């Protein structure tokens, strides 16, 4: 009988979400550092930096938060399933 999911695969999913959230953070840091360390001028540079600061960093931050939050929710469901079936 399966009750709400398979705890083993759900633990893997939560771990994957945490790992990917860390990767998103690392990507954000790497791109930000690359932009800071690179001399790049002109309209394309201005446009990208504007989009990076105005859109992309925020979207990546929300993705990271969502992955961490989802990992927590999945882990909580695993606990609930194990308590209900244990």
Protein backbone atom coordinates (compact mmCIF):
# COMPACT_ATOMS: atom_id res chain seq x y z
CA UNK A 1 0.00 0.00 0.00
CA UNK A 2 1.33 3.43 -0.92
CA UNK A 3 0.25 6.36 1.20
CA UNK A 4 1.02 9.70 -0.43
CA UNK A 5 4.29 8.60 -1.98
CA UNK A 6 7.33 6.41 -1.66
CA UNK A 7 9.49 7.69 1.22
CA UNK A 8 12.73 6.48 -0.34
CA UNK A 9 12.19 8.24 -3.66
CA UNK A 10 10.80 11.29 -1.88
CA UNK A 11 13.99 11.57 0.22
CA UNK A 12 15.98 11.50 -3.02
CA UNK A 13 13.74 14.19 -4.46
CA UNK A 14 14.20 16.43 -1.42
CA UNK A 15 17.97 15.95 -1.62
CA UNK A 16 17.91 16.75 -5.35
CA UNK A 17 15.90 19.92 -4.69
CA UNK A 18 18.45 21.02 -2.06
CA UNK A 19 21.35 20.26 -4.38
CA UNK A 20 19.79 22.14 -7.29
CA UNK A 21 19.01 25.11 -5.04
CA UNK A 22 22.69 25.24 -4.13
CA UNK A 23 23.60 25.05 -7.82
CA UNK A 24 21.28 27.98 -8.60
CA UNK A 25 22.99 29.99 -5.88
CA UNK A 26 26.41 29.04 -7.26
CA UNK A 27 25.34 30.06 -10.76
CA UNK A 28 24.14 33.41 -9.49
CA UNK A 29 27.43 34.04 -7.70
CA UNK A 30 29.52 32.94 -10.68
CA UNK A 31 27.67 35.11 -13.18
CA UNK A 32 27.73 38.10 -10.84
CA UNK A 33 31.46 37.67 -10.29
CA UNK A 34 32.11 37.30 -14.00
CA UNK A 35 30.22 40.51 -14.71
CA UNK A 36 32.09 42.36 -11.97
CA UNK A 37 35.47 41.09 -13.19
CA UNK A 38 34.93 41.78 -16.90
CA UNK A 39 35.44 45.02 -18.74
CA UNK A 40 32.50 45.11 -21.09
CA UNK A 41 30.86 48.29 -22.32
CA UNK A 42 28.26 49.26 -24.85
CA UNK A 43 24.55 48.83 -25.37
CA UNK A 44 24.59 45.02 -25.16
CA UNK A 45 26.55 45.15 -21.90
CA UNK A 46 24.25 47.77 -20.45
CA UNK A 47 21.17 45.80 -21.53
CA UNK A 48 22.44 42.53 -20.04
CA UNK A 49 23.52 44.11 -16.76
CA UNK A 50 20.17 45.85 -16.50
CA UNK A 51 18.31 42.58 -17.16
CA UNK A 52 20.61 40.71 -14.78
CA UNK A 53 20.01 43.18 -11.96
CA UNK A 54 16.37 43.83 -12.77
CA UNK A 55 15.12 40.36 -13.66
CA UNK A 56 17.45 37.39 -13.75
CA UNK A 57 18.97 37.58 -10.26
CA UNK A 58 15.50 37.92 -8.75
CA UNK A 59 14.11 35.02 -10.75
CA UNK A 60 17.04 32.83 -9.74
CA UNK A 61 16.61 33.82 -6.09
CA UNK A 62 12.92 32.86 -6.24
CA UNK A 63 13.80 29.54 -7.89
CA UNK A 64 16.34 28.83 -5.17
CA UNK A 65 13.80 29.66 -2.45
CA UNK A 66 11.18 27.50 -4.12
CA UNK A 67 13.51 24.52 -4.37
CA UNK A 68 14.53 24.84 -0.71
CA UNK A 69 10.90 25.25 0.35
CA UNK A 70 9.79 22.28 -1.72
CA UNK A 71 12.58 20.15 -0.24
CA UNK A 72 11.25 20.99 3.21
CA UNK A 73 7.67 20.15 2.23
CA UNK A 74 8.71 16.83 0.70
CA UNK A 75 10.73 15.95 3.80
CA UNK A 76 7.76 16.81 6.02
CA UNK A 77 5.53 14.53 3.93
CA UNK A 78 8.03 11.70 4.29
CA UNK A 79 7.89 12.12 8.07
CA UNK A 80 4.10 12.12 8.01
CA UNK A 81 3.95 9.02 5.81
CA UNK A 82 6.40 7.18 8.04
CA UNK A 83 4.45 8.12 11.16
CA UNK A 84 1.19 7.01 9.57
CA UNK A 85 2.58 3.69 8.41
CA UNK A 86 5.12 3.02 11.17
